[in-house]
Amino acid sequence: MRGSKFFTIVGLLAIVALVLAACQPATVEVTRVVKEKEEVEVTRIVAGTPIVEVVTATPEPVVELPTEITMIDTNSGANFQWYWQNQVIPAIEEQLGIKVNYVVSKEAELLERMKAWETGKGDAHLLFVKPGTIPKAMGEGIELETLYPDKTDVIPNIEKCPKAYLETVLGTNIEGKGALYWRSQYALIYNSEYIKDPPTSWKEFYDRREEWKGHIGIVRPDAKSGSSYRIPYSFLNAYVDMVDADGKAIPLEELQETDEWKDAWAKLTDFYTYAKQPLPAEPPNMFEDFNAGDTWISFYAMDYSLWSRHQGTMPPTIKSSFLAEGMAAGSDGYLIVPAGIPEEYKPVVYKVINFLLSDDQQIRLITTMWQYCGTDIWDKVPGVVWDTIPPWDKMEPSRLRIGNSEVKSFIREQGADLLIP
């Protein structure tokens, strides 16, 4: 009898244990090993009962990022082509392990090439262009990647660029489709061996023209160089408003009827007679005049003039300064990424852009090439730089945009006939 009771109790305990196990919540614990087609042991606890299963896991294939990209440059002159090839591109390969195939081209050729691309098959991955290329590409239906603010997670250094430059170019909203690499500026260039107290304004420059008669360098108005129209445009701007209060260009015909324009044009024509004759056909000819001691003062691209000084093609006593009423800006440099390139190239290009906008690269830019940074890191620029070029906060108020295209065209088309003595 006792044995029967014992077995009865044991049976009841077994039943209780099964009931309790059945009441436990079902849980699942999975361990995965990410290896293609590898058997993975998965342990499941279902209703408190361990069950071991063996399954086969096939992860997504790993995409290898390219280590070589093509960059097309339609902005740089000879000095910056040298800089890209000898300074920047070797640094990219050394520090990022990315090879850059550097190609110099022209804007028109580049845009036509991009229009012919099939989606996802573009073969120019990073473009370095003038500001006007961006709105032109957008206007022709060429899609560009939005870099700001969309890509700040992969291009964090772009947030150091001034927002106004990322949003608007030449009065056009570019929707953050370009990263500002440099800010180019024209400046007063003079040989401190002959000129100890340079003028600080265009009006003073004109009033003191007799001091430097025959030693003022002015490139011909029909030269290929941008200085051909930037010099006279900047001079005229000191005497007459060529855009209205809203920044809209005043029609040339309307300007030419005003006394201010007539007086300014007469002064400009007179100013040309005080220049070194004959007027140089292109900037290299003007540089030769500087080296010969025939030209002492001019208005030209600051970066190229000072770079040439270090290359020995301009006198070592060359300095730069600014003129208060306004000096034409040069061609700022923008980095853009076509939307039509293969997707796997985009993260690589973003990495390169972030590198180019790094403090180290931007400081090398201004200290080696005397080109203003694209990022606002002025407190990190060595103070000795400002002994050679004007500080940005002093230069920027005098920065002049060519806001009247009619005046620009008039100078290029008729300047040679009207201004050359």
Protein backbone atom coordinates (compact mmCIF):
# COMPACT_ATOMS: atom_id res chain seq x y z
CA MET A 1 0.00 0.00 0.00
CA ARG A 2 2.82 2.30 0.93
CA GLY A 3 4.54 1.62 -2.40
CA SER A 4 1.35 2.51 -4.25
CA LYS A 5 1.11 5.85 -2.44
CA PHE A 6 4.75 6.56 -3.20
CA PHE A 7 4.27 6.04 -6.95
CA THR A 8 1.09 8.11 -6.81
CA ILE A 9 2.97 11.05 -5.27
CA VAL A 10 5.81 10.77 -7.78
CA GLY A 11 3.28 10.71 -10.62
CA LEU A 12 1.55 13.81 -9.30
CA LEU A 13 4.88 15.67 -8.98
CA ALA A 14 5.73 14.78 -12.59
CA ILE A 15 2.38 16.09 -13.79
CA VAL A 16 2.87 19.36 -11.83
CA ALA A 17 6.34 19.77 -13.35
CA LEU A 18 4.97 19.33 -16.88
CA VAL A 19 2.18 21.82 -16.19
CA LEU A 20 4.63 24.38 -14.82
CA ALA A 21 6.90 23.92 -17.83
CA ALA A 22 3.98 24.43 -20.16
CA CYS A 23 3.16 27.69 -18.37
CA GLN A 24 6.59 29.18 -19.00
CA PRO A 25 6.63 31.86 -21.77
CA ALA A 26 8.23 30.75 -25.01
CA THR A 27 11.57 32.52 -25.75
CA VAL A 28 13.95 32.39 -28.71
CA GLU A 29 17.68 32.94 -28.61
CA VAL A 30 19.51 33.06 -31.93
CA THR A 31 23.23 33.20 -32.56
CA ARG A 32 24.34 34.05 -36.12
CA VAL A 33 27.70 33.70 -37.77
CA VAL A 34 28.01 35.90 -40.87
CA LYS A 35 29.79 33.60 -43.24
CA GLU A 36 28.43 32.63 -46.59
CA LYS A 37 26.57 29.29 -46.51
CA GLU A 38 27.94 28.29 -43.09
CA GLU A 39 25.87 26.04 -40.86
CA VAL A 40 24.73 27.93 -37.77
CA GLU A 41 23.53 26.26 -34.56
CA VAL A 42 20.33 27.93 -33.30
CA THR A 43 18.98 27.05 -29.85
CA ARG A 44 15.27 27.62 -29.26
CA ILE A 45 13.50 27.21 -25.94
CA VAL A 46 9.91 26.43 -26.78
CA ALA A 47 7.50 25.84 -23.86
CA GLY A 48 10.51 25.40 -21.64
CA THR A 49 11.89 22.52 -23.73
CA PRO A 50 15.33 23.11 -25.42
CA ILE A 51 15.32 22.30 -29.12
CA VAL A 52 18.50 22.47 -31.17
CA GLU A 53 18.21 23.18 -34.88
CA VAL A 54 20.85 23.57 -37.56
CA VAL A 55 20.14 26.12 -40.29
CA THR A 56 22.14 27.58 -43.17
CA ALA A 57 22.66 31.41 -43.19
CA THR A 58 23.47 33.30 -46.40
CA PRO A 59 24.36 36.95 -45.66
CA GLU A 60 24.19 39.79 -48.14
CA PRO A 61 27.29 39.91 -50.38
CA VAL A 62 29.96 42.42 -49.27
CA VAL A 63 30.52 45.22 -51.83
CA GLU A 64 34.14 46.27 -52.09
CA LEU A 65 34.60 50.03 -52.49
CA PRO A 66 36.81 51.21 -55.36
CA THR A 67 40.26 52.56 -54.55
CA GLU A 68 40.64 54.61 -57.73
CA ILE A 69 38.58 57.59 -58.93
CA THR A 70 38.72 60.10 -61.78
CA MET A 71 38.71 63.83 -61.06
CA ILE A 72 38.09 66.41 -63.79
CA ASP A 73 39.30 69.98 -63.26
CA THR A 74 37.80 72.82 -65.32
CA ASN A 75 38.82 75.63 -62.97
CA SER A 76 42.54 75.58 -62.20
CA GLY A 77 45.19 77.59 -63.98
CA ALA A 78 48.76 76.44 -64.45
CA ASN A 79 49.68 77.15 -60.84
CA PHE A 80 46.89 75.05 -59.38
CA GLN A 81 47.28 72.27 -61.88
CA TRP A 82 50.82 72.02 -60.53
CA TYR A 83 49.47 72.06 -56.96
CA TRP A 84 46.93 69.29 -57.57
CA GLN A 85 49.44 67.04 -59.31
CA ASN A 86 52.41 67.60 -57.01
CA GLN A 87 50.88 68.27 -53.61
CA VAL A 88 47.25 67.31 -53.19
CA ILE A 89 46.82 64.10 -55.17
CA PRO A 90 49.94 62.41 -53.70
CA ALA A 91 48.61 63.30 -50.22
CA ILE A 92 45.23 61.69 -51.01
CA GLU A 93 46.90 58.48 -52.13
CA GLU A 94 49.29 58.40 -49.19
CA GLN A 95 46.76 59.19 -46.46
CA LEU A 96 43.55 57.68 -47.85
CA GLY A 97 44.89 54.94 -50.09
CA ILE A 98 42.82 56.31 -52.98
CA LYS A 99 44.38 56.85 -56.39
CA VAL A 100 43.09 59.93 -58.23
CA ASN A 101 43.31 60.12 -62.01
CA TYR A 102 43.55 63.88 -62.56
CA VAL A 103 42.24 65.26 -65.87
CA VAL A 104 42.14 68.90 -67.02
CA SER A 105 39.20 69.79 -69.24
CA LYS A 106 36.86 72.62 -70.24
CA GLU A 107 33.40 73.31 -68.89
CA ALA A 108 31.56 72.92 -72.22
CA GLU A 109 33.22 69.58 -72.94
CA LEU A 110 32.50 68.33 -69.42
CA LEU A 111 28.80 69.21 -69.52
CA GLU A 112 28.30 67.59 -72.93
CA ARG A 113 30.06 64.47 -71.70
CA MET A 114 27.82 64.28 -68.63
CA LYS A 115 24.65 64.65 -70.69
CA ALA A 116 25.64 61.57 -72.69
CA TRP A 117 26.09 59.34 -69.62
CA GLU A 118 23.81 56.40 -68.97
CA THR A 119 22.39 56.34 -65.46
CA GLY A 120 24.88 54.89 -63.00
CA LYS A 121 27.69 54.68 -65.56
CA GLY A 122 29.31 58.11 -65.30
CA ASP A 123 33.08 57.85 -65.38
CA ALA A 124 34.07 61.23 -63.91
CA HIS A 125 33.52 60.85 -60.19
CA LEU A 126 34.70 64.15 -58.70
CA LEU A 127 34.56 67.50 -60.49
CA PHE A 128 36.38 70.72 -59.60
CA VAL A 129 34.61 73.63 -61.26
CA LYS A 130 34.04 77.38 -61.34
CA PRO A 131 30.96 78.68 -59.50
CA GLY A 132 28.92 79.25 -62.66
CA THR A 133 29.23 75.61 -63.72
CA ILE A 134 26.84 74.49 -60.98
CA PRO A 135 23.76 76.53 -61.98
CA LYS A 136 24.58 75.86 -65.62
CA ALA A 137 24.60 72.08 -65.06
CA MET A 138 21.36 72.27 -63.07
CA GLY A 139 19.76 74.35 -65.81
CA GLU A 140 20.70 71.75 -68.42
CA GLY A 141 19.11 68.94 -66.46
CA ILE A 142 22.33 67.37 -65.18
CA GLU A 143 21.71 65.88 -61.75
CA LEU A 144 24.23 66.56 -59.00
CA GLU A 145 24.42 65.08 -55.52
CA THR A 146 23.21 67.37 -52.72
CA LEU A 147 26.21 67.66 -50.41
CA TYR A 148 24.83 70.12 -47.88
CA PRO A 149 23.12 69.42 -45.60
CA ASP A 150 22.37 65.87 -46.82
CA LYS A 151 25.91 64.49 -46.56
CA THR A 152 27.19 66.15 -43.39
CA ASP A 153 27.42 62.71 -41.76
CA VAL A 154 30.03 61.59 -44.31
CA ILE A 155 31.45 65.06 -45.13
CA PRO A 156 31.48 66.67 -41.66
CA ASN A 157 34.07 69.28 -42.70
CA ILE A 158 31.60 70.84 -45.13
CA GLU A 159 29.92 72.45 -42.13
CA LYS A 160 33.01 74.67 -41.80
CA CYS A 161 32.22 76.25 -45.18
CA PRO A 162 30.18 79.48 -45.00
CA LYS A 163 26.54 78.51 -45.52
CA ALA A 164 25.87 81.42 -47.89
CA TYR A 165 28.42 80.01 -50.36
CA LEU A 166 26.83 76.56 -50.19
CA GLU A 167 23.35 77.86 -50.83
CA THR A 168 23.80 80.58 -53.45
CA VAL A 169 26.16 81.05 -56.39
CA LEU A 170 26.01 84.10 -58.65
CA GLY A 171 22.52 84.84 -57.40
CA THR A 172 21.27 81.29 -58.04
CA ASN A 173 20.14 78.87 -55.35
CA ILE A 174 22.33 75.79 -55.89
CA GLU A 175 20.59 73.76 -53.16
CA GLY A 176 23.82 72.67 -51.48
CA LYS A 177 25.13 70.85 -54.55
CA GLY A 178 28.69 72.12 -54.24
CA ALA A 179 31.40 72.18 -51.55
CA LEU A 180 33.50 75.36 -51.42
CA TYR A 181 37.20 74.47 -51.70
CA TRP A 182 38.75 77.92 -52.13
CA ARG A 183 37.89 81.62 -52.44
CA SER A 184 39.83 83.36 -55.19
CA GLN A 185 40.49 87.08 -55.06
CA TYR A 186 42.03 89.79 -57.23
CA ALA A 187 44.15 92.33 -55.35
CA LEU A 188 46.49 95.25 -55.76
CA ILE A 189 49.90 93.80 -56.63
CA TYR A 190 52.95 96.02 -56.21
CA ASN A 191 56.72 95.86 -56.01
CA SER A 192 57.70 97.12 -52.56
CA GLU A 193 61.18 97.94 -53.88
CA TYR A 194 59.68 100.91 -55.74
CA ILE A 195 56.43 101.59 -53.88
CA LYS A 196 56.49 102.00 -50.10
CA ASP A 197 52.99 103.42 -49.59
CA PRO A 198 50.56 101.80 -52.08
CA PRO A 199 47.13 103.31 -52.67
CA THR A 200 44.27 102.03 -50.54
CA SER A 201 41.44 102.87 -52.94
CA TRP A 202 40.80 103.09 -56.68
CA LYS A 203 40.22 106.83 -56.40
CA GLU A 204 43.57 107.28 -54.70
CA PHE A 205 45.18 105.04 -57.34
CA TYR A 206 43.78 107.30 -60.07
CA ASP A 207 44.70 110.52 -58.27
CA ARG A 208 48.32 109.35 -57.86
CA ARG A 209 48.64 107.96 -61.38
CA GLU A 210 51.34 110.50 -62.27
CA GLU A 211 53.68 108.97 -59.64
CA TRP A 212 53.68 105.68 -61.50
CA LYS A 213 53.25 106.82 -65.10
CA GLY A 214 54.61 104.18 -67.45
CA HIS A 215 54.89 101.64 -64.61
CA ILE A 216 51.24 100.60 -64.17
CA GLY A 217 50.54 97.12 -65.47
CA ILE A 218 47.20 96.67 -67.26
CA VAL A 219 46.43 93.59 -69.37
CA ARG A 220 44.71 94.34 -72.68
CA PRO A 221 40.87 94.35 -72.58
CA ASP A 222 40.77 91.72 -75.34
CA ALA A 223 43.14 89.29 -73.59
CA LYS A 224 41.93 85.78 -72.76
CA SER A 225 42.72 86.36 -69.10
CA GLY A 226 39.89 87.32 -66.76
CA SER A 227 41.94 90.36 -65.76
CA SER A 228 41.04 91.82 -69.17
CA TYR A 229 37.61 92.83 -67.88
CA ARG A 230 38.10 92.61 -64.11
CA ILE A 231 40.52 95.57 -64.03
CA PRO A 232 38.28 98.07 -65.86
CA TYR A 233 35.10 96.74 -64.22
CA SER A 234 36.57 97.22 -60.74
CA PHE A 235 37.76 100.72 -61.66
CA LEU A 236 34.32 101.75 -62.96
CA ASN A 237 32.65 100.32 -59.86
CA ALA A 238 34.55 102.88 -57.72
CA TYR A 239 32.71 105.73 -59.45
CA VAL A 240 29.33 104.40 -60.58
CA ASP A 241 26.76 101.90 -59.28
CA MET A 242 26.21 99.24 -61.95
CA VAL A 243 23.61 97.32 -59.95
CA ASP A 244 20.64 98.70 -58.06
CA ALA A 245 19.88 98.40 -54.34
CA ASP A 246 18.42 94.93 -54.90
CA GLY A 247 21.53 93.73 -56.71
CA LYS A 248 19.84 93.80 -60.13
CA ALA A 249 22.02 94.92 -63.04
CA ILE A 250 21.21 98.37 -64.40
CA PRO A 251 20.83 98.21 -68.23
CA LEU A 252 23.95 99.41 -70.04
CA GLU A 253 22.01 101.87 -72.20
CA GLU A 254 20.58 103.46 -69.08
CA LEU A 255 24.01 103.63 -67.44
CA GLN A 256 25.62 105.25 -70.45
CA GLU A 257 23.18 108.15 -70.27
CA THR A 258 24.22 109.10 -66.74
CA ASP A 259 26.84 111.74 -65.88
CA GLU A 260 28.42 109.30 -63.41
CA TRP A 261 29.10 106.75 -66.15
CA LYS A 262 30.46 109.35 -68.57
CA ASP A 263 32.80 110.73 -65.91
CA ALA A 264 33.93 107.24 -64.83
CA TRP A 265 34.57 106.10 -68.41
CA ALA A 266 36.57 109.26 -69.13
CA LYS A 267 38.73 108.63 -66.06
CA LEU A 268 39.21 104.99 -67.08
CA THR A 269 40.30 105.97 -70.58
CA ASP A 270 42.74 108.47 -69.10
CA PHE A 271 44.04 105.90 -66.62
CA TYR A 272 45.02 103.56 -69.46
CA THR A 273 47.33 106.24 -70.91
CA TYR A 274 49.44 106.08 -67.74
CA ALA A 275 50.01 102.33 -68.08
CA LYS A 276 53.18 100.61 -69.28
CA GLN A 277 53.01 100.59 -73.09
CA PRO A 278 52.33 98.56 -75.05
CA LEU A 279 49.72 96.91 -72.87
CA PRO A 280 50.68 93.27 -72.21
CA ALA A 281 48.74 90.78 -74.32
CA GLU A 282 48.51 88.27 -71.46
CA PRO A 283 49.58 88.10 -67.77
CA PRO A 284 52.94 86.35 -68.43
CA ASN A 285 53.96 89.39 -70.49
CA MET A 286 53.06 91.65 -67.56
CA PHE A 287 55.10 89.45 -65.22
CA GLU A 288 58.08 89.87 -67.53
CA ASP A 289 57.63 93.63 -67.19
CA PHE A 290 57.62 93.28 -63.40
CA ASN A 291 60.83 91.25 -63.50
CA ALA A 292 62.46 93.81 -65.78
CA GLY A 293 61.58 96.61 -63.35
CA ASP A 294 59.38 98.30 -65.96
CA THR A 295 56.10 97.60 -64.14
CA TRP A 296 55.73 98.41 -60.45
CA ILE A 297 52.05 98.12 -59.71
CA SER A 298 48.99 96.30 -61.08
CA PHE A 299 45.70 94.65 -60.23
CA TYR A 300 45.74 90.90 -60.68
CA ALA A 301 44.90 87.48 -59.18
CA MET A 302 46.54 87.44 -55.77
CA ASP A 303 47.24 83.72 -55.62
CA TYR A 304 48.94 83.51 -59.02
CA SER A 305 51.06 86.62 -58.42
CA LEU A 306 52.39 85.45 -55.07
CA TRP A 307 52.84 81.85 -56.22
CA SER A 308 54.86 83.20 -59.15
CA ARG A 309 56.98 85.16 -56.67
CA HIS A 310 57.90 81.90 -54.96
CA GLN A 311 58.57 80.25 -58.31
CA GLY A 312 61.00 83.03 -59.24
CA THR A 313 58.90 84.38 -62.11
CA MET A 314 57.98 87.53 -60.16
CA PRO A 315 60.33 89.70 -58.04
CA PRO A 316 60.75 88.58 -54.39
CA THR A 317 59.65 92.05 -53.25
CA ILE A 318 56.10 91.64 -54.62
CA LYS A 319 53.33 92.30 -52.09
CA SER A 320 49.55 92.52 -52.16
CA SER A 321 46.90 94.76 -50.63
CA PHE A 322 43.28 95.76 -51.23
CA LEU A 323 41.42 98.76 -52.65
CA ALA A 324 38.50 99.94 -50.57
CA GLU A 325 35.74 100.50 -53.15
CA GLY A 326 35.88 96.94 -54.39
CA MET A 327 38.08 94.40 -56.12
CA ALA A 328 36.67 91.74 -58.41
CA ALA A 329 36.57 88.23 -57.00
CA GLY A 330 38.32 85.52 -58.97
CA SER A 331 36.83 82.14 -59.79
CA ASP A 332 36.00 80.42 -56.52
CA GLY A 333 36.56 76.66 -56.55
CA TYR A 334 33.74 74.16 -55.98
CA LEU A 335 33.80 70.38 -55.62
CA ILE A 336 30.72 68.63 -57.06
CA VAL A 337 29.62 65.02 -57.46
CA PRO A 338 27.52 63.88 -60.44
CA ALA A 339 24.48 61.84 -59.44
CA GLY A 340 24.97 59.58 -62.48
CA ILE A 341 28.11 57.79 -61.32
CA PRO A 342 28.03 54.20 -59.94
CA GLU A 343 26.77 54.16 -56.35
CA GLU A 344 29.85 52.41 -54.96
CA TYR A 345 32.02 55.39 -55.96
CA LYS A 346 30.04 57.97 -54.00
CA PRO A 347 31.24 57.12 -50.46
CA VAL A 348 34.82 57.15 -51.75
CA VAL A 349 34.36 60.59 -53.32
CA TYR A 350 32.74 61.94 -50.16
CA LYS A 351 35.77 60.75 -48.21
CA VAL A 352 38.08 62.64 -50.58
CA ILE A 353 36.00 65.82 -50.32
CA ASN A 354 36.08 65.66 -46.54
CA PHE A 355 39.86 65.28 -46.73
CA LEU A 356 40.18 68.33 -49.00
CA LEU A 357 38.13 70.39 -46.55
CA SER A 358 40.19 69.27 -43.55
CA ASP A 359 42.05 71.92 -41.57
CA ASP A 360 45.40 70.51 -42.64
CA GLN A 361 44.62 70.69 -46.36
CA GLN A 362 43.01 74.11 -46.13
CA ILE A 363 45.99 75.57 -44.27
CA ARG A 364 48.34 74.06 -46.84
CA LEU A 365 46.23 75.73 -49.53
CA ILE A 366 46.59 79.23 -48.13
CA THR A 367 50.23 78.91 -47.04
CA THR A 368 51.44 77.29 -50.25
CA MET A 369 49.24 78.93 -52.89
CA TRP A 370 48.08 82.13 -51.16
CA GLN A 371 44.47 81.28 -51.96
CA TYR A 372 41.84 82.01 -49.34
CA CYS A 373 40.39 78.94 -47.61
CA GLY A 374 36.98 77.54 -48.47
CA THR A 375 36.37 76.87 -44.76
CA ASP A 376 36.17 79.48 -42.02
CA ILE A 377 39.21 78.44 -40.01
CA TRP A 378 40.93 81.83 -39.90
CA ASP A 379 41.99 81.44 -36.26
CA LYS A 380 44.04 78.39 -37.27
CA VAL A 381 45.92 80.08 -40.13
CA PRO A 382 49.53 80.97 -39.14
CA GLY A 383 49.81 84.68 -38.37
CA VAL A 384 52.78 85.06 -40.74
CA VAL A 385 50.35 84.58 -43.67
CA TRP A 386 48.78 87.97 -42.94
CA ASP A 387 52.16 89.61 -43.44
CA THR A 388 51.88 88.64 -47.10
CA ILE A 389 48.15 88.88 -47.89
CA PRO A 390 45.32 90.92 -46.32
CA PRO A 391 43.36 89.11 -43.58
CA TRP A 392 40.04 87.77 -44.86
CA ASP A 393 37.94 89.94 -42.55
CA LYS A 394 39.55 93.02 -44.10
CA MET A 395 39.48 91.71 -47.67
CA GLU A 396 35.90 90.41 -47.70
CA PRO A 397 34.14 93.83 -47.43
CA SER A 398 35.98 94.88 -50.61
CA ARG A 399 35.08 91.68 -52.47
CA LEU A 400 33.26 92.62 -55.67
CA ARG A 401 31.07 90.30 -57.71
CA ILE A 402 30.68 90.99 -61.43
CA GLY A 403 26.98 91.73 -61.17
CA ASN A 404 26.42 93.46 -64.51
CA SER A 405 27.07 91.07 -67.39
CA GLU A 406 26.25 93.74 -69.99
CA VAL A 407 29.10 95.94 -68.77
CA LYS A 408 31.41 92.93 -68.73
CA SER A 409 30.50 92.06 -72.32
CA PHE A 410 30.85 95.68 -73.42
CA ILE A 411 34.39 95.81 -72.04
CA ARG A 412 35.38 92.54 -73.70
CA GLU A 413 33.86 93.42 -77.06
CA GLN A 414 34.69 97.11 -77.37
CA GLY A 415 37.31 97.77 -74.71
CA ALA A 416 40.28 97.29 -77.03
CA ASP A 417 38.98 99.91 -79.46
CA LEU A 418 37.91 102.38 -76.78
CA LEU A 419 40.59 102.05 -74.12
CA ILE A 420 43.91 101.19 -75.77
CA PRO A 421 45.82 104.44 -76.52
